[in-house]
């Protein structure tokens, strides 16, 4: 093999890559937070709401879990303008990632809720708590503890999935890497570096999630 590696040619673009990494972290954080909120609301709806609302949520979950996330992204960014709704690339990207993440979070949190023994709710009722208070103060923490590993895995997948939004021009780390590649023509080096940056980001997220998991375990 006559190929000569030249990582030094990437050094002038370190600020571009650093900015892309920070943007990736921001988009991942927002998408996870919004996805978790969507998942919590939809999971509660599936477990406790009336049939009509459950059907609506089930339709949302099935659609986003059974269609490609890239197609969903294009539908939101390129399709909605046909209906008069124009979104900037970052906003469209966050919405698409949040909805996709939220669909999976819904099923994970629903599983956590239905895994709880009936006695927890009955204990809350015996104390005179309202249904809302029972969900907030009695059921939420045990449900999260039961499914936290699955939630953590979905958060990691959402972080990795931010690479998709580069397809609509969002300047995250993959987009930044493609820009550097177009200037240096060192494709192997830049994409190997991008893999390394994703690996670093995922590893850091796992450390943080493990700390949260230990806190959950300590409260059992």
N, C-alpha and C. Protein backbone atom coordinates (compact mmCIF):
# COMPACT_ATOMS: atom_id res chain seq x y z
N UNK A 1 0.86 -1.20 0.00
CA UNK A 1 0.00 0.00 0.00
C UNK A 1 0.89 1.24 0.00
N UNK A 2 0.69 2.11 -0.99
CA UNK A 2 1.52 3.30 -1.15
C UNK A 2 0.92 4.55 -0.52
N UNK A 3 -0.25 4.39 0.11
CA UNK A 3 -0.92 5.57 0.69
C UNK A 3 -0.12 6.12 1.86
N UNK A 4 0.05 7.43 1.88
CA UNK A 4 0.79 8.11 2.95
C UNK A 4 -0.21 8.93 3.77
N UNK A 5 -0.31 8.61 5.04
CA UNK A 5 -1.23 9.33 5.91
C UNK A 5 -0.70 10.74 6.19
N UNK A 6 -1.64 11.68 6.20
CA UNK A 6 -1.26 13.08 6.42
C UNK A 6 -2.32 13.76 7.28
N UNK A 7 -2.29 13.48 8.58
CA UNK A 7 -3.23 14.11 9.50
C UNK A 7 -2.87 15.57 9.76
N UNK A 8 -1.62 15.93 9.49
CA UNK A 8 -1.19 17.31 9.73
C UNK A 8 -1.96 18.30 8.87
N UNK A 9 -2.39 17.86 7.70
CA UNK A 9 -3.13 18.76 6.81
C UNK A 9 -4.49 19.14 7.36
N UNK A 10 -4.95 18.43 8.40
CA UNK A 10 -6.24 18.73 9.00
C UNK A 10 -6.14 19.78 10.11
N UNK A 11 -4.93 20.02 10.59
CA UNK A 11 -4.75 20.93 11.72
C UNK A 11 -5.31 22.33 11.49
N UNK A 12 -5.16 22.91 10.28
CA UNK A 12 -5.71 24.27 10.08
C UNK A 12 -7.23 24.34 10.25
N UNK A 13 -7.89 23.17 10.25
CA UNK A 13 -9.36 23.15 10.34
C UNK A 13 -9.84 22.67 11.70
N UNK A 14 -8.96 22.68 12.69
CA UNK A 14 -9.35 22.18 14.01
C UNK A 14 -10.47 23.00 14.63
N UNK A 15 -10.50 24.30 14.37
CA UNK A 15 -11.58 25.12 14.92
C UNK A 15 -12.92 24.76 14.29
N UNK A 16 -12.89 24.47 12.99
CA UNK A 16 -14.12 24.07 12.30
C UNK A 16 -14.65 22.77 12.89
N UNK A 17 -13.75 21.83 13.12
CA UNK A 17 -14.16 20.53 13.66
C UNK A 17 -14.63 20.66 15.11
N UNK A 18 -13.94 21.50 15.88
CA UNK A 18 -14.35 21.71 17.27
C UNK A 18 -15.75 22.32 17.34
N UNK A 19 -16.00 23.29 16.47
CA UNK A 19 -17.34 23.89 16.43
C UNK A 19 -18.39 22.86 16.03
N UNK A 20 -18.05 22.02 15.05
CA UNK A 20 -18.99 20.99 14.63
C UNK A 20 -19.30 20.01 15.74
N UNK A 21 -18.28 19.67 16.53
CA UNK A 21 -18.50 18.76 17.66
C UNK A 21 -19.41 19.38 18.70
N UNK A 22 -19.22 20.66 18.98
CA UNK A 22 -20.08 21.35 19.94
C UNK A 22 -21.51 21.44 19.44
N UNK A 23 -21.67 21.70 18.14
CA UNK A 23 -23.01 21.75 17.56
C UNK A 23 -23.68 20.38 17.65
N UNK A 24 -22.92 19.33 17.40
CA UNK A 24 -23.47 17.97 17.51
C UNK A 24 -23.96 17.71 18.92
N UNK A 25 -23.16 18.09 19.92
CA UNK A 25 -23.54 17.89 21.32
C UNK A 25 -24.82 18.66 21.63
N UNK A 26 -24.93 19.89 21.12
CA UNK A 26 -26.11 20.71 21.38
C UNK A 26 -27.35 20.10 20.75
N UNK A 27 -27.26 19.70 19.48
CA UNK A 27 -28.42 19.11 18.80
C UNK A 27 -28.83 17.80 19.45
N UNK A 28 -27.85 17.01 19.87
CA UNK A 28 -28.17 15.75 20.54
C UNK A 28 -28.87 16.00 21.86
N UNK A 29 -28.35 16.97 22.65
CA UNK A 29 -28.94 17.28 23.95
C UNK A 29 -30.38 17.74 23.80
N UNK A 30 -30.63 18.66 22.87
CA UNK A 30 -31.99 19.17 22.67
C UNK A 30 -32.92 18.07 22.18
N UNK A 31 -32.45 17.26 21.26
CA UNK A 31 -33.29 16.19 20.72
C UNK A 31 -33.62 15.15 21.79
N UNK A 32 -32.67 14.84 22.65
CA UNK A 32 -32.91 13.88 23.72
C UNK A 32 -33.90 14.44 24.73
N UNK A 33 -33.72 15.71 25.11
CA UNK A 33 -34.64 16.32 26.08
C UNK A 33 -36.05 16.40 25.54
N UNK A 34 -36.19 16.88 24.29
CA UNK A 34 -37.53 16.95 23.69
C UNK A 34 -38.10 15.56 23.48
N UNK A 35 -37.25 14.63 23.04
CA UNK A 35 -37.72 13.26 22.83
C UNK A 35 -38.18 12.62 24.13
N UNK A 36 -37.47 12.90 25.22
CA UNK A 36 -37.86 12.35 26.51
C UNK A 36 -39.19 12.94 26.97
N UNK A 37 -39.38 14.23 26.74
CA UNK A 37 -40.67 14.86 27.08
C UNK A 37 -41.80 14.27 26.26
N UNK A 38 -41.57 14.13 24.95
CA UNK A 38 -42.58 13.52 24.08
C UNK A 38 -42.88 12.10 24.53
N UNK A 39 -41.82 11.35 24.81
CA UNK A 39 -42.00 9.96 25.24
C UNK A 39 -42.78 9.85 26.53
N UNK A 40 -42.50 10.73 27.49
CA UNK A 40 -43.19 10.68 28.78
C UNK A 40 -44.69 10.95 28.61
N UNK A 41 -45.01 11.99 27.85
CA UNK A 41 -46.42 12.34 27.63
C UNK A 41 -47.14 11.22 26.89
N UNK A 42 -46.51 10.70 25.85
CA UNK A 42 -47.15 9.65 25.04
C UNK A 42 -47.27 8.34 25.81
N UNK A 43 -46.27 8.02 26.63
CA UNK A 43 -46.34 6.79 27.43
C UNK A 43 -47.48 6.87 28.43
N UNK A 44 -47.61 8.01 29.09
CA UNK A 44 -48.72 8.19 30.02
C UNK A 44 -50.06 8.11 29.31
N UNK A 45 -50.10 8.64 28.10
CA UNK A 45 -51.33 8.57 27.31
C UNK A 45 -51.69 7.13 26.98
N UNK A 46 -50.71 6.35 26.57
CA UNK A 46 -50.97 4.95 26.22
C UNK A 46 -51.43 4.13 27.42
N UNK A 47 -50.94 4.48 28.60
CA UNK A 47 -51.28 3.69 29.78
C UNK A 47 -52.56 4.16 30.46
N UNK A 48 -52.79 5.47 30.47
CA UNK A 48 -53.87 5.99 31.29
C UNK A 48 -54.99 6.72 30.54
N UNK A 49 -54.77 7.13 29.31
CA UNK A 49 -55.76 7.97 28.62
C UNK A 49 -56.87 7.15 27.98
N UNK A 50 -57.81 7.88 27.41
CA UNK A 50 -58.94 7.22 26.74
C UNK A 50 -58.50 6.63 25.40
N UNK A 51 -59.36 5.80 24.86
CA UNK A 51 -59.03 5.02 23.66
C UNK A 51 -58.65 5.91 22.47
N UNK A 52 -59.40 6.99 22.24
CA UNK A 52 -59.14 7.84 21.09
C UNK A 52 -57.73 8.43 21.14
N UNK A 53 -57.32 8.89 22.31
CA UNK A 53 -55.97 9.45 22.46
C UNK A 53 -54.91 8.37 22.31
N UNK A 54 -55.21 7.18 22.82
CA UNK A 54 -54.26 6.07 22.68
C UNK A 54 -54.05 5.70 21.22
N UNK A 55 -55.11 5.72 20.45
CA UNK A 55 -54.99 5.41 19.02
C UNK A 55 -54.16 6.45 18.30
N UNK A 56 -54.33 7.70 18.66
CA UNK A 56 -53.56 8.78 18.03
C UNK A 56 -52.07 8.61 18.34
N UNK A 57 -51.77 8.35 19.59
CA UNK A 57 -50.37 8.16 19.98
C UNK A 57 -49.80 6.91 19.34
N UNK A 58 -50.57 5.83 19.29
CA UNK A 58 -50.10 4.60 18.68
C UNK A 58 -49.78 4.82 17.20
N UNK A 59 -50.59 5.64 16.53
CA UNK A 59 -50.31 5.95 15.13
C UNK A 59 -49.00 6.70 14.97
N UNK A 60 -48.76 7.66 15.85
CA UNK A 60 -47.49 8.41 15.83
C UNK A 60 -46.30 7.47 16.05
N UNK A 61 -46.40 6.63 17.06
CA UNK A 61 -45.29 5.72 17.39
C UNK A 61 -45.01 4.76 16.23
N UNK A 62 -46.05 4.17 15.68
CA UNK A 62 -45.86 3.21 14.60
C UNK A 62 -45.27 3.87 13.36
N UNK A 63 -45.70 5.09 13.07
CA UNK A 63 -45.18 5.78 11.89
C UNK A 63 -43.69 6.05 12.03
N UNK A 64 -43.29 6.61 13.17
CA UNK A 64 -41.88 7.01 13.32
C UNK A 64 -40.96 5.84 13.62
N UNK A 65 -41.50 4.72 14.09
CA UNK A 65 -40.65 3.56 14.33
C UNK A 65 -40.53 2.66 13.11
N UNK A 66 -41.39 2.85 12.14
CA UNK A 66 -41.41 1.95 10.99
C UNK A 66 -41.15 2.63 9.66
N UNK A 67 -40.61 3.83 9.71
CA UNK A 67 -40.18 4.52 8.49
C UNK A 67 -38.76 5.05 8.72
N UNK A 68 -37.96 5.18 7.65
CA UNK A 68 -36.57 5.63 7.81
C UNK A 68 -36.50 7.05 8.37
N UNK A 69 -35.59 7.27 9.29
CA UNK A 69 -35.45 8.58 9.90
C UNK A 69 -35.00 9.64 8.89
N UNK A 70 -34.24 9.22 7.88
CA UNK A 70 -33.82 10.18 6.86
C UNK A 70 -35.01 10.66 6.04
N UNK A 71 -35.92 9.75 5.72
CA UNK A 71 -37.13 10.14 5.00
C UNK A 71 -37.99 11.07 5.84
N UNK A 72 -38.08 10.80 7.13
CA UNK A 72 -38.82 11.68 8.03
C UNK A 72 -38.21 13.08 8.04
N UNK A 73 -36.89 13.13 8.08
CA UNK A 73 -36.20 14.42 8.05
C UNK A 73 -36.51 15.19 6.78
N UNK A 74 -36.46 14.52 5.64
CA UNK A 74 -36.76 15.16 4.37
C UNK A 74 -38.22 15.58 4.29
N UNK A 75 -39.10 14.77 4.85
CA UNK A 75 -40.52 15.11 4.86
C UNK A 75 -40.76 16.42 5.61
N UNK A 76 -40.07 16.57 6.75
CA UNK A 76 -40.24 17.77 7.56
C UNK A 76 -39.59 18.98 6.90
N UNK A 77 -38.37 18.81 6.39
CA UNK A 77 -37.64 19.96 5.86
C UNK A 77 -38.07 20.33 4.44
N UNK A 78 -38.23 19.34 3.58
CA UNK A 78 -38.59 19.62 2.19
C UNK A 78 -40.09 19.53 1.92
N UNK A 79 -40.80 18.73 2.73
CA UNK A 79 -42.23 18.53 2.49
C UNK A 79 -43.11 19.61 3.09
N UNK A 80 -42.82 20.01 4.33
CA UNK A 80 -43.68 21.00 4.99
C UNK A 80 -43.76 22.34 4.28
N UNK A 81 -42.69 22.81 3.60
CA UNK A 81 -42.83 24.07 2.85
C UNK A 81 -43.94 24.03 1.80
N UNK A 82 -44.25 22.85 1.30
CA UNK A 82 -45.36 22.73 0.34
C UNK A 82 -46.68 23.08 0.99
N UNK A 83 -46.74 22.92 2.33
CA UNK A 83 -47.95 23.25 3.07
C UNK A 83 -47.88 24.65 3.67
N UNK A 84 -46.81 25.38 3.33
CA UNK A 84 -46.66 26.74 3.81
C UNK A 84 -45.88 26.90 5.08
N UNK A 85 -45.27 25.80 5.58
CA UNK A 85 -44.50 25.87 6.82
C UNK A 85 -43.02 25.71 6.50
N UNK A 86 -42.27 26.79 6.62
CA UNK A 86 -40.85 26.80 6.29
C UNK A 86 -40.04 26.79 7.59
N UNK A 87 -39.16 25.84 7.71
CA UNK A 87 -38.32 25.69 8.90
C UNK A 87 -36.86 25.81 8.52
N UNK A 88 -36.07 26.42 9.39
CA UNK A 88 -34.63 26.47 9.17
C UNK A 88 -34.05 25.07 9.34
N UNK A 89 -32.89 24.80 8.74
CA UNK A 89 -32.30 23.46 8.87
C UNK A 89 -32.11 22.99 10.31
N UNK A 90 -31.56 23.83 11.22
CA UNK A 90 -31.40 23.35 12.60
C UNK A 90 -32.74 23.00 13.27
N UNK A 91 -33.75 23.84 13.06
CA UNK A 91 -35.06 23.59 13.68
C UNK A 91 -35.67 22.32 13.11
N UNK A 92 -35.63 22.17 11.79
CA UNK A 92 -36.18 20.96 11.17
C UNK A 92 -35.44 19.73 11.65
N UNK A 93 -34.12 19.84 11.78
CA UNK A 93 -33.33 18.71 12.25
C UNK A 93 -33.68 18.30 13.67
N UNK A 94 -33.81 19.27 14.55
CA UNK A 94 -34.15 18.98 15.94
C UNK A 94 -35.54 18.38 16.04
N UNK A 95 -36.48 18.92 15.28
CA UNK A 95 -37.85 18.38 15.30
C UNK A 95 -37.85 16.93 14.83
N UNK A 96 -37.16 16.66 13.73
CA UNK A 96 -37.14 15.30 13.19
C UNK A 96 -36.48 14.33 14.17
N UNK A 97 -35.35 14.71 14.72
CA UNK A 97 -34.67 13.84 15.68
C UNK A 97 -35.50 13.64 16.95
N UNK A 98 -36.15 14.70 17.40
CA UNK A 98 -36.96 14.61 18.63
C UNK A 98 -38.16 13.69 18.44
N UNK A 99 -38.83 13.82 17.30
CA UNK A 99 -39.99 12.97 17.05
C UNK A 99 -39.58 11.50 16.90
N UNK A 100 -38.45 11.28 16.24
CA UNK A 100 -37.96 9.92 16.07
C UNK A 100 -37.55 9.33 17.42
N UNK A 101 -36.79 10.10 18.18
CA UNK A 101 -36.38 9.66 19.50
C UNK A 101 -37.58 9.46 20.41
N UNK A 102 -38.55 10.38 20.35
CA UNK A 102 -39.72 10.32 21.19
C UNK A 102 -40.55 9.07 20.98
N UNK A 103 -40.61 8.59 19.73
CA UNK A 103 -41.38 7.38 19.45
C UNK A 103 -40.79 6.18 20.18
N UNK A 104 -39.47 6.07 20.19
CA UNK A 104 -38.83 4.97 20.90
C UNK A 104 -38.88 5.17 22.41
N UNK A 105 -38.72 6.42 22.85
CA UNK A 105 -38.83 6.71 24.27
C UNK A 105 -40.24 6.35 24.79
N UNK A 106 -41.24 6.55 23.97
CA UNK A 106 -42.61 6.23 24.36
C UNK A 106 -42.74 4.76 24.73
N UNK A 107 -42.25 3.90 23.87
CA UNK A 107 -42.36 2.46 24.13
C UNK A 107 -41.51 2.04 25.33
N UNK A 108 -40.35 2.65 25.47
CA UNK A 108 -39.49 2.30 26.60
C UNK A 108 -40.15 2.71 27.92
N UNK A 109 -40.66 3.95 27.98
CA UNK A 109 -41.28 4.43 29.21
C UNK A 109 -42.60 3.72 29.49
N UNK A 110 -43.32 3.39 28.44
CA UNK A 110 -44.56 2.62 28.63
C UNK A 110 -44.25 1.28 29.28
N UNK A 111 -43.18 0.64 28.80
CA UNK A 111 -42.77 -0.63 29.40
C UNK A 111 -42.41 -0.46 30.86
N UNK A 112 -41.76 0.67 31.18
CA UNK A 112 -41.42 0.94 32.57
C UNK A 112 -42.66 1.09 33.45
N UNK A 113 -43.66 1.78 32.93
CA UNK A 113 -44.89 2.00 33.70
C UNK A 113 -45.66 0.71 33.94
N UNK A 114 -45.80 -0.10 32.90
CA UNK A 114 -46.60 -1.32 33.05
C UNK A 114 -45.84 -2.41 33.81
N UNK A 115 -44.54 -2.21 34.00
CA UNK A 115 -43.77 -3.19 34.76
C UNK A 115 -43.91 -3.01 36.26
N UNK A 116 -44.49 -1.90 36.68
CA UNK A 116 -44.61 -1.62 38.11
C UNK A 116 -45.74 -2.42 38.74
N UNK A 117 -45.54 -2.88 39.94
CA UNK A 117 -46.62 -3.62 40.61
C UNK A 117 -47.81 -2.72 40.93
N UNK A 118 -48.98 -3.30 40.87
CA UNK A 118 -50.21 -2.56 41.14
C UNK A 118 -50.19 -1.97 42.56
N UNK A 119 -49.47 -2.61 43.46
CA UNK A 119 -49.45 -2.17 44.84
C UNK A 119 -48.93 -0.76 45.04
N UNK A 120 -48.05 -0.28 44.14
CA UNK A 120 -47.54 1.08 44.26
C UNK A 120 -48.66 2.10 44.10
N UNK A 121 -49.48 1.91 43.07
CA UNK A 121 -50.61 2.84 42.86
C UNK A 121 -51.61 2.74 44.00
N UNK A 122 -51.86 1.54 44.47
CA UNK A 122 -52.81 1.36 45.57
C UNK A 122 -52.31 2.02 46.85
N UNK A 123 -50.98 1.96 47.06
CA UNK A 123 -50.42 2.62 48.24
C UNK A 123 -50.60 4.13 48.16
N UNK A 124 -50.40 4.69 46.96
CA UNK A 124 -50.62 6.12 46.77
C UNK A 124 -52.06 6.51 47.00
N UNK A 125 -52.98 5.68 46.51
CA UNK A 125 -54.40 5.95 46.72
C UNK A 125 -54.76 5.88 48.20
N UNK A 126 -54.14 4.93 48.90
CA UNK A 126 -54.41 4.79 50.33
C UNK A 126 -53.95 6.01 51.12
N UNK A 127 -52.92 6.68 50.59
CA UNK A 127 -52.42 7.90 51.25
C UNK A 127 -53.21 9.14 50.86
N UNK A 128 -54.20 8.96 50.01
CA UNK A 128 -55.04 10.08 49.60
C UNK A 128 -54.45 10.93 48.50
N UNK A 129 -53.46 10.40 47.78
CA UNK A 129 -52.84 11.15 46.69
C UNK A 129 -53.73 11.14 45.46
N UNK A 130 -53.68 12.22 44.70
CA UNK A 130 -54.40 12.27 43.44
C UNK A 130 -53.67 11.41 42.40
N UNK A 131 -54.35 11.14 41.30
CA UNK A 131 -53.72 10.34 40.24
C UNK A 131 -52.45 11.02 39.73
N UNK A 132 -52.52 12.33 39.60
CA UNK A 132 -51.36 13.09 39.15
C UNK A 132 -50.20 12.98 40.14
N UNK A 133 -50.50 13.08 41.42
CA UNK A 133 -49.45 12.97 42.44
C UNK A 133 -48.87 11.56 42.49
N UNK A 134 -49.71 10.56 42.27
CA UNK A 134 -49.22 9.18 42.27
C UNK A 134 -48.23 8.98 41.13
N UNK A 135 -48.57 9.49 39.95
CA UNK A 135 -47.68 9.34 38.80
C UNK A 135 -46.37 10.09 39.04
N UNK A 136 -46.48 11.31 39.56
CA UNK A 136 -45.29 12.16 39.74
C UNK A 136 -44.38 11.69 40.86
N UNK A 137 -44.98 11.37 42.00
CA UNK A 137 -44.18 11.11 43.20
C UNK A 137 -43.99 9.63 43.53
N UNK A 138 -44.82 8.77 42.96
CA UNK A 138 -44.75 7.35 43.31
C UNK A 138 -44.24 6.48 42.16
N UNK A 139 -44.71 6.74 40.96
CA UNK A 139 -44.44 5.83 39.85
C UNK A 139 -43.26 6.22 38.97
N UNK A 140 -42.99 7.52 38.85
CA UNK A 140 -42.00 7.99 37.88
C UNK A 140 -40.61 7.41 38.13
N UNK A 141 -40.11 7.54 39.35
CA UNK A 141 -38.75 7.10 39.65
C UNK A 141 -38.57 5.59 39.48
N UNK A 142 -39.46 4.75 40.05
CA UNK A 142 -39.30 3.31 39.83
C UNK A 142 -39.39 2.91 38.35
N UNK A 143 -40.26 3.57 37.59
CA UNK A 143 -40.38 3.25 36.16
C UNK A 143 -39.10 3.60 35.44
N UNK A 144 -38.52 4.76 35.74
CA UNK A 144 -37.25 5.16 35.12
C UNK A 144 -36.13 4.19 35.49
N UNK A 145 -36.11 3.76 36.75
CA UNK A 145 -35.08 2.81 37.17
C UNK A 145 -35.18 1.50 36.41
N UNK A 146 -36.39 1.04 36.16
CA UNK A 146 -36.59 -0.25 35.49
C UNK A 146 -36.11 -0.24 34.04
N UNK A 147 -36.20 0.91 33.38
CA UNK A 147 -35.90 0.94 31.94
C UNK A 147 -34.72 1.84 31.61
N UNK A 148 -33.98 2.26 32.64
CA UNK A 148 -32.90 3.22 32.37
C UNK A 148 -31.87 2.71 31.37
N UNK A 149 -31.43 1.45 31.42
CA UNK A 149 -30.48 0.98 30.40
C UNK A 149 -30.99 1.14 28.98
N UNK A 150 -32.28 0.87 28.77
CA UNK A 150 -32.85 1.04 27.43
C UNK A 150 -32.93 2.51 27.05
N UNK A 151 -33.26 3.36 28.01
CA UNK A 151 -33.28 4.81 27.76
C UNK A 151 -31.89 5.30 27.39
N UNK A 152 -30.89 4.83 28.12
CA UNK A 152 -29.51 5.23 27.85
C UNK A 152 -29.09 4.82 26.44
N UNK A 153 -29.45 3.63 26.04
CA UNK A 153 -29.10 3.16 24.69
C UNK A 153 -29.75 4.04 23.63
N UNK A 154 -31.00 4.43 23.85
CA UNK A 154 -31.67 5.28 22.89
C UNK A 154 -31.05 6.67 22.84
N UNK A 155 -30.58 7.17 23.96
CA UNK A 155 -29.89 8.46 23.97
C UNK A 155 -28.61 8.41 23.16
N UNK A 156 -27.87 7.32 23.30
CA UNK A 156 -26.64 7.15 22.53
C UNK A 156 -26.96 7.08 21.04
N UNK A 157 -28.00 6.35 20.68
CA UNK A 157 -28.39 6.25 19.27
C UNK A 157 -28.82 7.61 18.71
N UNK A 158 -29.44 8.42 19.55
CA UNK A 158 -29.84 9.75 19.11
C UNK A 158 -28.62 10.62 18.86
N UNK A 159 -27.62 10.51 19.72
CA UNK A 159 -26.38 11.26 19.51
C UNK A 159 -25.73 10.85 18.18
N UNK A 160 -25.64 9.57 17.94
CA UNK A 160 -25.06 9.10 16.68
C UNK A 160 -25.90 9.54 15.50
N UNK A 161 -27.22 9.55 15.68
CA UNK A 161 -28.13 9.90 14.60
C UNK A 161 -28.10 11.35 14.17
N UNK A 162 -27.42 12.20 14.94
CA UNK A 162 -27.33 13.60 14.53
C UNK A 162 -26.60 13.77 13.20
N UNK A 163 -25.83 12.75 12.80
CA UNK A 163 -25.13 12.84 11.51
C UNK A 163 -26.10 12.99 10.35
N UNK A 164 -27.34 12.52 10.54
CA UNK A 164 -28.33 12.60 9.45
C UNK A 164 -28.67 14.04 9.08
N UNK A 165 -28.68 14.93 10.07
CA UNK A 165 -29.15 16.28 9.78
C UNK A 165 -28.13 17.07 8.96
N UNK A 166 -26.94 16.51 8.76
CA UNK A 166 -26.00 17.16 7.84
C UNK A 166 -26.54 17.16 6.42
N UNK A 167 -27.49 16.24 6.13
CA UNK A 167 -28.04 16.13 4.79
C UNK A 167 -28.92 17.31 4.40
N UNK A 168 -29.31 18.12 5.39
CA UNK A 168 -30.08 19.32 5.06
C UNK A 168 -29.27 20.58 5.37
N UNK A 169 -27.96 20.41 5.52
CA UNK A 169 -27.07 21.57 5.67
C UNK A 169 -26.81 22.03 7.08
N UNK A 170 -27.18 21.23 8.08
CA UNK A 170 -26.90 21.60 9.46
C UNK A 170 -25.41 21.38 9.73
N UNK A 171 -24.77 22.36 10.31
CA UNK A 171 -23.31 22.32 10.46
C UNK A 171 -22.90 21.61 11.74
N UNK A 172 -23.16 20.29 11.78
CA UNK A 172 -22.67 19.49 12.91
C UNK A 172 -21.35 18.84 12.50
N UNK A 173 -20.87 17.87 13.25
CA UNK A 173 -19.52 17.37 13.06
C UNK A 173 -19.34 16.66 11.71
N UNK A 174 -20.35 15.91 11.27
CA UNK A 174 -20.21 15.23 9.99
C UNK A 174 -20.18 16.23 8.83
N UNK A 175 -21.02 17.25 8.93
CA UNK A 175 -21.03 18.30 7.92
C UNK A 175 -19.69 19.02 7.90
N UNK A 176 -19.14 19.30 9.08
CA UNK A 176 -17.83 19.96 9.17
C UNK A 176 -16.75 19.08 8.56
N UNK A 177 -16.83 17.77 8.81
CA UNK A 177 -15.86 16.86 8.24
C UNK A 177 -15.92 16.82 6.72
N UNK A 178 -17.13 16.85 6.19
CA UNK A 178 -17.29 16.86 4.73
C UNK A 178 -16.71 18.14 4.14
N UNK A 179 -16.88 19.26 4.85
CA UNK A 179 -16.30 20.53 4.39
C UNK A 179 -14.77 20.43 4.35
N UNK A 180 -14.19 19.89 5.42
CA UNK A 180 -12.73 19.75 5.46
C UNK A 180 -12.25 18.80 4.37
N UNK A 181 -12.99 17.74 4.13
CA UNK A 181 -12.63 16.79 3.07
C UNK A 181 -12.61 17.47 1.71
N UNK A 182 -13.58 18.37 1.47
CA UNK A 182 -13.65 19.06 0.18
C UNK A 182 -12.49 20.03 -0.02
N UNK A 183 -11.84 20.43 1.09
CA UNK A 183 -10.71 21.36 1.00
C UNK A 183 -9.36 20.64 0.99
N UNK A 184 -9.27 19.52 1.68
CA UNK A 184 -7.97 18.85 1.82
C UNK A 184 -7.84 17.61 0.95
N UNK A 185 -8.99 17.02 0.57
CA UNK A 185 -9.02 15.76 -0.19
C UNK A 185 -8.33 14.62 0.58
N UNK A 186 -8.35 14.69 1.89
CA UNK A 186 -7.81 13.62 2.73
C UNK A 186 -8.99 12.88 3.36
N UNK A 187 -9.72 12.16 2.51
CA UNK A 187 -10.98 11.54 2.95
C UNK A 187 -10.77 10.52 4.06
N UNK A 188 -9.78 9.66 3.91
CA UNK A 188 -9.58 8.62 4.92
C UNK A 188 -9.26 9.25 6.27
N UNK A 189 -8.36 10.22 6.29
CA UNK A 189 -7.96 10.84 7.54
C UNK A 189 -9.12 11.57 8.22
N UNK A 190 -9.86 12.35 7.45
CA UNK A 190 -10.91 13.15 8.06
C UNK A 190 -12.04 12.29 8.59
N UNK A 191 -12.44 11.26 7.83
CA UNK A 191 -13.56 10.45 8.31
C UNK A 191 -13.13 9.50 9.42
N UNK A 192 -11.87 9.13 9.44
CA UNK A 192 -11.36 8.37 10.60
C UNK A 192 -11.37 9.26 11.84
N UNK A 193 -11.00 10.53 11.65
CA UNK A 193 -11.04 11.47 12.77
C UNK A 193 -12.47 11.70 13.24
N UNK A 194 -13.40 11.80 12.30
CA UNK A 194 -14.81 11.99 12.66
C UNK A 194 -15.31 10.80 13.47
N UNK A 195 -14.94 9.59 13.06
CA UNK A 195 -15.30 8.40 13.83
C UNK A 195 -14.75 8.50 15.25
N UNK A 196 -13.50 8.97 15.35
CA UNK A 196 -12.89 9.12 16.67
C UNK A 196 -13.62 10.14 17.53
N UNK A 197 -14.08 11.23 16.92
CA UNK A 197 -14.81 12.26 17.67
C UNK A 197 -16.17 11.75 18.13
N UNK A 198 -16.85 10.99 17.26
CA UNK A 198 -18.12 10.39 17.67
C UNK A 198 -17.88 9.40 18.82
N UNK A 199 -16.82 8.61 18.70
CA UNK A 199 -16.49 7.64 19.74
C UNK A 199 -16.22 8.35 21.06
N UNK A 200 -15.51 9.46 21.00
CA UNK A 200 -15.23 10.25 22.21
C UNK A 200 -16.53 10.78 22.81
N UNK A 201 -17.41 11.33 21.95
CA UNK A 201 -18.67 11.90 22.45
C UNK A 201 -19.55 10.83 23.08
N UNK A 202 -19.63 9.67 22.42
CA UNK A 202 -20.44 8.58 22.96
C UNK A 202 -19.86 8.06 24.27
N UNK A 203 -18.55 7.94 24.33
CA UNK A 203 -17.90 7.47 25.55
C UNK A 203 -18.15 8.42 26.71
N UNK A 204 -18.07 9.72 26.44
CA UNK A 204 -18.35 10.71 27.48
C UNK A 204 -19.80 10.62 27.94
N UNK A 205 -20.72 10.45 26.98
CA UNK A 205 -22.13 10.32 27.34
C UNK A 205 -22.36 9.08 28.20
N UNK A 206 -21.70 7.98 27.87
CA UNK A 206 -21.85 6.76 28.66
C UNK A 206 -21.36 6.95 30.09
N UNK A 207 -20.28 7.70 30.25
CA UNK A 207 -19.77 7.97 31.60
C UNK A 207 -20.81 8.77 32.40
N UNK A 208 -21.38 9.79 31.76
CA UNK A 208 -22.39 10.60 32.44
C UNK A 208 -23.64 9.79 32.76
N UNK A 209 -24.07 8.95 31.82
CA UNK A 209 -25.25 8.12 32.05
C UNK A 209 -24.98 7.09 33.15
N UNK A 210 -23.77 6.58 33.21
CA UNK A 210 -23.42 5.62 34.27
C UNK A 210 -23.49 6.29 35.63
N UNK A 211 -23.09 7.55 35.70
CA UNK A 211 -23.18 8.28 36.96
C UNK A 211 -24.64 8.44 37.38
N UNK A 212 -25.50 8.74 36.41
CA UNK A 212 -26.93 8.86 36.71
C UNK A 212 -27.48 7.51 37.17
N UNK A 213 -27.05 6.43 36.52
CA UNK A 213 -27.51 5.09 36.88
C UNK A 213 -27.12 4.75 38.32
N UNK A 214 -25.91 5.09 38.72
CA UNK A 214 -25.48 4.83 40.09
C UNK A 214 -26.32 5.63 41.09
N UNK A 215 -26.69 6.85 40.70
CA UNK A 215 -27.57 7.64 41.58
C UNK A 215 -28.92 6.98 41.71
N UNK A 216 -29.44 6.45 40.60
CA UNK A 216 -30.72 5.73 40.65
C UNK A 216 -30.62 4.52 41.57
N UNK A 217 -29.52 3.76 41.43
CA UNK A 217 -29.34 2.56 42.24
C UNK A 217 -29.24 2.90 43.72
N UNK A 218 -28.63 4.04 44.01
CA UNK A 218 -28.46 4.45 45.41
C UNK A 218 -29.80 4.81 46.06
N UNK A 219 -30.79 5.16 45.23
CA UNK A 219 -32.08 5.57 45.78
C UNK A 219 -33.07 4.43 45.86
N UNK A 220 -32.66 3.24 45.47
CA UNK A 220 -33.56 2.10 45.57
C UNK A 220 -33.84 1.72 47.04
